[in-house]
Amino acid sequence: MANEDKQVKAFVNYKVKWLAGGNESFARATLAKLRRGIGKPPGSMPELWDVTLKDLPQELMGKGQDPSNSEWAVHTALTLWALHQQGNDLRKQCMCKDGENLGIALRKLVGDEDEERRIKRRFDAVSTSSSMEEFSHHLRGLIQLLKAKSIPLDYPAFAQDLYWLQFPNARDSVRLRWGRDFYRHTKVNETDRENKKIGKEEKKNER
């Protein structure tokens, strides 16, 4: 398990850059195939092996009949990224961006209290999913909302979170980090709004 999460993160980063920097028509076709793999077990679609399994470090590969935690994390992150990327130019507007962790990205969907409740309800369903298939199912809707507003997500870091989410003793730490990011940015956004409001009032008074 040592350093496996870091290798998962590095592998997803490598695959995103490989597709973003390669042939455009090949990338589009590959992303379309990846989208068909959302919610399906790793390895169940042979047409995805060259993306999700090729060059995967040996220690990340499963040894039994079931996919390893690393294989699940890689497969889930890459297939959801393919959905997120759909309709956006891969070179000019890649939906994979460093530092945009899940809680941070989802917070940017919130415009008012009603929206916060709706997003939080969906976020809760994602966070409490008991299997990777269920997780993909619930997250798919949130990714579509991020895509609609062109809000990117840090998919290598997301894959690392997915790796740890599969270990019962690490699951709460991942959820805690997501929750902190989601609500930490509430205060930042409120401060920004207040500063803008003060700025407008000062300009008005100057007139």
Protein backbone atom coordinates (compact mmCIF):
# COMPACT_ATOMS: atom_id res chain seq x y z
CA MET A 1 0.00 0.00 0.00
CA ALA A 2 3.02 2.27 0.53
CA ASN A 3 3.10 5.04 -2.08
CA GLU A 4 0.40 3.34 -4.16
CA ASP A 5 -1.84 6.39 -3.84
CA LYS A 6 0.95 8.62 -5.20
CA GLN A 7 1.47 6.24 -8.11
CA VAL A 8 -2.26 6.32 -8.86
CA LYS A 9 -2.13 10.13 -8.90
CA ALA A 10 0.95 10.18 -11.15
CA PHE A 11 -0.56 7.62 -13.55
CA VAL A 12 -3.80 9.57 -14.04
CA ASN A 13 -1.79 12.76 -14.55
CA TYR A 14 0.33 10.96 -17.17
CA LYS A 15 -2.73 9.65 -19.05
CA VAL A 16 -4.45 13.05 -19.10
CA LYS A 17 -1.32 14.71 -20.49
CA TRP A 18 -0.84 11.88 -22.97
CA LEU A 19 -4.31 12.41 -24.44
CA ALA A 20 -4.18 16.22 -24.25
CA GLY A 21 -0.86 16.35 -26.07
CA GLY A 22 -1.54 13.70 -28.72
CA ASN A 23 -3.49 13.40 -31.93
CA GLU A 24 -6.79 15.29 -31.63
CA SER A 25 -9.02 12.80 -33.45
CA PHE A 26 -7.49 9.89 -31.52
CA ALA A 27 -8.08 11.76 -28.24
CA ARG A 28 -11.73 12.45 -29.10
CA ALA A 29 -12.35 8.80 -29.99
CA THR A 30 -10.59 7.62 -26.82
CA LEU A 31 -12.60 9.97 -24.61
CA ALA A 32 -15.81 8.70 -26.20
CA LYS A 33 -14.81 5.13 -25.35
CA LEU A 34 -13.90 6.13 -21.80
CA ARG A 35 -17.33 7.68 -21.28
CA ARG A 36 -18.93 4.33 -22.03
CA GLY A 37 -16.96 2.83 -19.16
CA ILE A 38 -18.51 5.00 -16.42
CA GLY A 39 -19.80 2.82 -13.60
CA LYS A 40 -18.47 -0.39 -15.14
CA PRO A 41 -15.75 -2.50 -13.50
CA PRO A 42 -12.13 -1.92 -14.57
CA GLY A 43 -11.08 -4.35 -17.28
CA SER A 44 -14.64 -5.18 -18.34
CA MET A 45 -14.22 -3.22 -21.60
CA PRO A 46 -11.16 -4.42 -23.58
CA GLU A 47 -11.24 -1.28 -25.76
CA LEU A 48 -10.19 0.73 -22.66
CA TRP A 49 -7.21 -1.40 -21.66
CA ASP A 50 -4.71 0.79 -23.53
CA VAL A 51 -5.82 3.78 -21.44
CA THR A 52 -6.59 2.34 -18.01
CA LEU A 53 -4.16 -0.60 -17.84
CA LYS A 54 -1.30 0.00 -20.27
CA ASP A 55 1.83 1.26 -18.42
CA LEU A 56 0.08 0.83 -15.04
CA PRO A 57 2.80 -0.03 -12.47
CA GLN A 58 2.81 -3.73 -11.61
CA GLU A 59 2.21 -3.09 -7.91
CA LEU A 60 -1.06 -1.32 -8.76
CA MET A 61 -2.44 -4.26 -10.73
CA GLY A 62 -4.77 -6.71 -9.02
CA LYS A 63 -3.69 -10.30 -8.59
CA GLY A 64 -7.04 -12.04 -8.17
CA GLN A 65 -10.36 -12.05 -9.97
CA ASP A 66 -11.43 -8.64 -8.67
CA PRO A 67 -9.99 -5.24 -9.65
CA SER A 68 -7.53 -3.71 -7.21
CA ASN A 69 -8.29 -0.46 -5.37
CA SER A 70 -5.77 1.26 -7.64
CA GLU A 71 -7.44 -0.07 -10.80
CA TRP A 72 -10.82 1.15 -9.54
CA ALA A 73 -9.44 4.60 -8.71
CA VAL A 74 -7.75 5.01 -12.10
CA HIS A 75 -10.71 3.71 -14.09
CA THR A 76 -13.27 5.83 -12.23
CA ALA A 77 -11.23 9.04 -12.44
CA LEU A 78 -10.43 8.71 -16.15
CA THR A 79 -13.96 7.77 -17.23
CA LEU A 80 -15.50 10.66 -15.29
CA TRP A 81 -12.88 13.05 -16.67
CA ALA A 82 -13.90 11.93 -20.18
CA LEU A 83 -17.49 12.89 -19.37
CA HIS A 84 -16.36 16.23 -17.93
CA GLN A 85 -14.24 16.96 -21.00
CA GLN A 86 -17.05 16.29 -23.47
CA GLY A 87 -17.86 19.44 -25.48
CA ASN A 88 -14.70 21.27 -24.34
CA ASP A 89 -11.54 21.69 -26.38
CA LEU A 90 -8.95 19.37 -24.83
CA ARG A 91 -6.02 21.67 -25.58
CA LYS A 92 -7.63 25.05 -24.93
CA GLN A 93 -9.97 24.12 -22.08
CA CYS A 94 -8.87 20.96 -20.30
CA MET A 95 -11.26 20.10 -17.48
CA CYS A 96 -8.40 18.70 -15.42
CA LYS A 97 -6.73 21.45 -13.37
CA ASP A 98 -4.30 21.31 -10.44
CA GLY A 99 -5.66 22.40 -7.08
CA GLU A 100 -9.35 22.14 -7.99
CA ASN A 101 -10.18 19.43 -5.48
CA LEU A 102 -13.70 17.99 -5.29
CA GLY A 103 -15.02 20.14 -2.44
CA ILE A 104 -13.56 23.31 -3.97
CA ALA A 105 -15.00 22.58 -7.42
CA LEU A 106 -18.47 21.73 -6.12
CA ARG A 107 -18.56 24.87 -4.00
CA LYS A 108 -18.29 26.91 -7.20
CA LEU A 109 -21.67 25.52 -8.28
CA VAL A 110 -23.35 27.24 -5.33
CA GLY A 111 -24.97 30.61 -5.97
CA ASP A 112 -27.55 30.79 -3.17
CA GLU A 113 -28.86 28.82 -0.20
CA ASP A 114 -31.30 26.75 -2.28
CA GLU A 115 -28.52 25.73 -4.62
CA GLU A 116 -26.31 24.90 -1.65
CA ARG A 117 -28.94 22.53 -0.27
CA ARG A 118 -29.35 20.82 -3.66
CA ILE A 119 -25.61 20.42 -4.22
CA LYS A 120 -25.04 19.30 -0.62
CA ARG A 121 -27.73 16.62 -0.99
CA ARG A 122 -25.98 15.23 -4.05
CA PHE A 123 -22.59 15.57 -2.39
CA ASP A 124 -23.87 13.57 0.61
CA ALA A 125 -24.99 10.75 -1.69
CA VAL A 126 -21.53 10.68 -3.29
CA SER A 127 -19.67 10.78 0.02
CA THR A 128 -21.67 7.97 1.63
CA SER A 129 -21.63 5.59 -1.36
CA SER A 130 -20.74 2.05 -0.34
CA SER A 131 -19.26 0.87 -3.64
CA MET A 132 -17.35 2.35 -6.56
CA GLU A 133 -20.25 1.60 -8.90
CA GLU A 134 -22.61 3.55 -6.63
CA PHE A 135 -20.06 6.34 -6.29
CA SER A 136 -19.78 6.71 -10.08
CA HIS A 137 -23.56 6.72 -10.42
CA HIS A 138 -24.06 9.56 -7.95
CA LEU A 139 -21.07 11.58 -9.05
CA ARG A 140 -21.99 11.48 -12.71
CA GLY A 141 -24.74 14.07 -12.18
CA LEU A 142 -22.40 16.41 -10.31
CA ILE A 143 -19.76 16.13 -13.01
CA GLN A 144 -22.37 17.09 -15.60
CA LEU A 145 -23.16 20.20 -13.56
CA LEU A 146 -19.45 21.09 -13.38
CA LYS A 147 -19.19 20.53 -17.13
CA ALA A 148 -22.17 22.81 -17.82
CA LYS A 149 -20.43 25.67 -16.00
CA SER A 150 -16.93 24.80 -17.26
CA ILE A 151 -15.62 24.28 -13.72
CA PRO A 152 -12.56 21.99 -13.81
CA LEU A 153 -11.52 19.30 -11.33
CA ASP A 154 -8.08 18.02 -10.26
CA TYR A 155 -8.47 14.45 -11.54
CA PRO A 156 -5.07 13.10 -10.42
CA ALA A 157 -5.80 14.27 -6.85
CA PHE A 158 -9.35 12.97 -7.22
CA ALA A 159 -8.00 9.54 -8.20
CA GLN A 160 -5.80 9.60 -5.09
CA ASP A 161 -8.90 10.33 -2.97
CA LEU A 162 -10.76 7.48 -4.65
CA TYR A 163 -7.94 5.12 -3.79
CA TRP A 164 -8.17 5.95 -0.07
CA LEU A 165 -11.97 6.07 -0.11
CA GLN A 166 -11.96 2.29 -0.58
CA PHE A 167 -10.23 1.69 2.76
CA PRO A 168 -12.72 1.82 5.70
CA ASN A 169 -10.10 3.24 8.08
CA ALA A 170 -9.23 6.10 5.66
CA ARG A 171 -12.70 6.89 4.33
CA ASP A 172 -13.62 9.44 6.99
CA SER A 173 -10.38 11.37 6.43
CA VAL A 174 -11.23 11.77 2.73
CA ARG A 175 -14.77 12.88 3.57
CA LEU A 176 -13.48 15.35 6.15
CA ARG A 177 -11.14 16.94 3.59
CA TRP A 178 -13.95 17.20 1.04
CA GLY A 179 -16.25 18.80 3.62
CA ARG A 180 -13.60 21.27 4.76
CA ASP A 181 -12.91 22.34 1.18
CA PHE A 182 -16.62 22.73 0.45
CA TYR A 183 -17.31 24.93 3.47
CA ARG A 184 -13.96 26.71 3.68
CA HIS A 185 -14.76 28.33 0.35
CA THR A 186 -18.12 29.49 1.69
CA LYS A 187 -16.28 31.96 3.92
CA VAL A 188 -13.99 33.01 1.08
CA ASN A 189 -16.94 33.63 -1.24
CA GLU A 190 -18.84 35.54 1.44
CA THR A 191 -15.77 37.72 2.09
CA ASP A 192 -15.38 38.41 -1.65
CA ARG A 193 -19.04 39.39 -1.94
CA GLU A 194 -18.79 41.67 1.09
CA ASN A 195 -15.62 43.34 -0.26
CA LYS A 196 -17.30 43.92 -3.63
CA LYS A 197 -20.34 45.38 -1.90
CA ILE A 198 -18.16 47.76 0.15
CA GLY A 199 -16.24 48.75 -3.00
CA LYS A 200 -19.46 49.60 -4.82
CA GLU A 201 -20.73 51.67 -1.89
CA GLU A 202 -17.42 53.59 -1.70
CA LYS A 203 -17.55 54.38 -5.43
CA LYS A 204 -21.16 55.49 -5.05
CA ASN A 205 -20.23 57.81 -2.19
CA GLU A 206 -17.34 59.28 -4.20
CA ARG A 207 -19.82 60.41 -6.85
